[in-house]
Amino acid sequence: QVQLVESGGGLVQAGGSLKLSCAASGRTFSGYRMGWFRQAPGKEREFVARIRSSDSNAAYADSVKGRFTISRDNARNTVYLQMNSLKSEDTAVYYCAAGATAYNYWGQGTQVTVSS
């Protein structure tokens, strides 16, 4: 079992930056693929970024590529999402997810609001 707790969300002006953190419990964090998803009001949850456990290879949604960076610290059982050049359309609840193949574990989410 893995428990995920996100933090770092908040209100920021367009063009600003935020860094989200996701702290994981459990001994197998290092073996899990970690991902960030988001859900805006009235929209479906969408993929933002993911990082593999084996080689920390990262992938991003086209909408955030070049602006967001996902990273992980296995010693701290934490995954991060550095978000730069934020836009109003980045406003959403951001969720952290983990799993060996599928994303079986989800955090409760953290709100990110970008004001224009």
Protein backbone atom coordinates (compact mmCIF):
# COMPACT_ATOMS: atom_id res chain seq x y z
CA GLN A 1 0.00 0.00 0.00
CA VAL A 2 1.20 3.47 -0.87
CA GLN A 3 -0.16 6.74 0.47
CA LEU A 4 0.47 9.95 -1.43
CA VAL A 5 0.22 13.48 -0.05
CA GLU A 6 0.56 16.48 -2.36
CA SER A 7 1.58 19.97 -1.28
CA GLY A 8 2.77 23.23 -2.78
CA GLY A 9 -0.34 24.39 -4.57
CA GLY A 10 -1.63 27.94 -4.31
CA LEU A 11 -2.48 31.15 -6.11
CA VAL A 12 0.06 32.59 -8.53
CA GLN A 13 0.00 35.22 -11.24
CA ALA A 14 0.35 34.26 -14.87
CA GLY A 15 4.01 33.88 -15.77
CA GLY A 16 4.90 32.83 -12.25
CA SER A 17 6.16 29.53 -10.86
CA LEU A 18 5.13 26.91 -8.35
CA LYS A 19 6.73 23.67 -7.21
CA LEU A 20 4.47 20.81 -6.20
CA SER A 21 5.64 17.99 -3.98
CA CYS A 22 4.21 14.53 -3.47
CA ALA A 23 5.38 12.60 -0.45
CA ALA A 24 4.88 8.86 -0.58
CA SER A 25 4.77 6.31 2.19
CA GLY A 26 5.73 2.71 1.65
CA ARG A 27 8.90 0.84 0.99
CA THR A 28 8.45 0.37 -2.74
CA PHE A 29 8.40 4.00 -3.84
CA SER A 30 11.62 3.64 -5.77
CA GLY A 31 10.11 0.87 -7.85
CA TYR A 32 7.03 2.81 -8.89
CA ARG A 33 6.35 4.94 -11.87
CA MET A 34 5.13 8.34 -10.64
CA GLY A 35 2.83 10.69 -12.44
CA TRP A 36 1.11 14.05 -12.17
CA PHE A 37 -2.41 14.60 -13.46
CA ARG A 38 -4.75 17.55 -13.25
CA GLN A 39 -8.44 18.25 -13.42
CA ALA A 40 -9.90 21.64 -14.22
CA PRO A 41 -13.51 22.54 -13.36
CA GLY A 42 -15.90 20.90 -15.76
CA LYS A 43 -13.16 18.92 -17.47
CA GLU A 44 -11.88 15.37 -17.28
CA ARG A 45 -8.68 14.50 -15.46
CA GLU A 46 -5.71 14.74 -17.81
CA PHE A 47 -2.14 13.53 -17.84
CA VAL A 48 0.54 16.14 -17.10
CA ALA A 49 3.84 14.31 -16.61
CA ARG A 50 5.37 11.03 -15.51
CA ILE A 51 8.73 9.74 -14.45
CA ARG A 52 9.89 6.13 -14.60
CA SER A 53 11.48 4.33 -11.72
CA SER A 54 14.12 2.49 -13.71
CA ASP A 55 15.92 5.40 -15.32
CA SER A 56 13.95 8.49 -14.28
CA ASN A 57 12.95 8.97 -17.91
CA ALA A 58 10.30 11.67 -18.06
CA ALA A 59 7.39 12.36 -20.39
CA TYR A 60 5.08 15.37 -20.61
CA ALA A 61 1.81 16.45 -22.07
CA ASP A 62 2.30 18.75 -25.04
CA SER A 63 0.53 21.55 -23.19
CA VAL A 64 3.23 21.69 -20.48
CA LYS A 65 6.32 20.59 -22.37
CA GLY A 66 9.15 23.07 -21.89
CA ARG A 67 7.46 24.70 -18.90
CA PHE A 68 7.04 21.89 -16.36
CA THR A 69 9.70 19.54 -15.01
CA ILE A 70 9.05 16.34 -13.09
CA SER A 71 11.72 14.89 -10.83
CA ARG A 72 12.00 12.37 -8.04
CA ASP A 73 14.09 11.86 -4.93
CA ASN A 74 13.92 8.19 -3.99
CA ALA A 75 15.81 8.80 -0.75
CA ARG A 76 13.05 11.18 0.35
CA ASN A 77 10.20 9.19 -1.23
CA THR A 78 9.14 12.36 -2.98
CA VAL A 79 8.28 13.39 -6.51
CA TYR A 80 8.21 17.01 -7.61
CA LEU A 81 6.61 19.06 -10.35
CA GLN A 82 8.33 22.35 -11.07
CA MET A 83 5.91 24.57 -12.97
CA ASN A 84 7.23 27.67 -14.71
CA SER A 85 5.62 30.24 -17.01
CA LEU A 86 2.22 29.37 -15.63
CA LYS A 87 -0.86 30.21 -17.65
CA SER A 88 -4.48 30.65 -16.63
CA GLU A 89 -5.28 27.38 -18.38
CA ASP A 90 -3.01 25.57 -15.92
CA THR A 91 -5.57 26.24 -13.20
CA ALA A 92 -6.69 22.87 -11.86
CA VAL A 93 -6.47 20.42 -9.01
CA TYR A 94 -3.20 18.56 -9.41
CA TYR A 95 -2.98 14.92 -8.41
CA CYS A 96 0.00 12.71 -7.80
CA ALA A 97 -0.25 9.05 -8.80
CA ALA A 98 1.91 5.96 -8.41
CA GLY A 99 2.01 2.41 -9.63
CA ALA A 100 4.16 -0.36 -10.98
CA THR A 101 2.31 -0.51 -14.30
CA ALA A 102 -1.06 1.16 -13.91
CA TYR A 103 -1.56 4.10 -11.56
CA ASN A 104 -3.08 2.28 -8.61
CA TYR A 105 -2.50 4.93 -5.97
CA TRP A 106 -3.66 8.54 -5.95
CA GLY A 107 -3.24 11.53 -3.69
CA GLN A 108 -6.02 13.84 -2.58
CA GLY A 109 -4.94 16.66 -4.87
CA THR A 110 -3.68 20.20 -4.44
CA GLN A 111 -5.28 23.29 -5.97
CA VAL A 112 -3.30 25.45 -8.36
CA THR A 113 -4.89 28.73 -9.40
CA VAL A 114 -3.25 31.00 -11.96
CA SER A 115 -4.62 34.52 -12.18
CA SER A 116 -4.37 36.42 -15.44
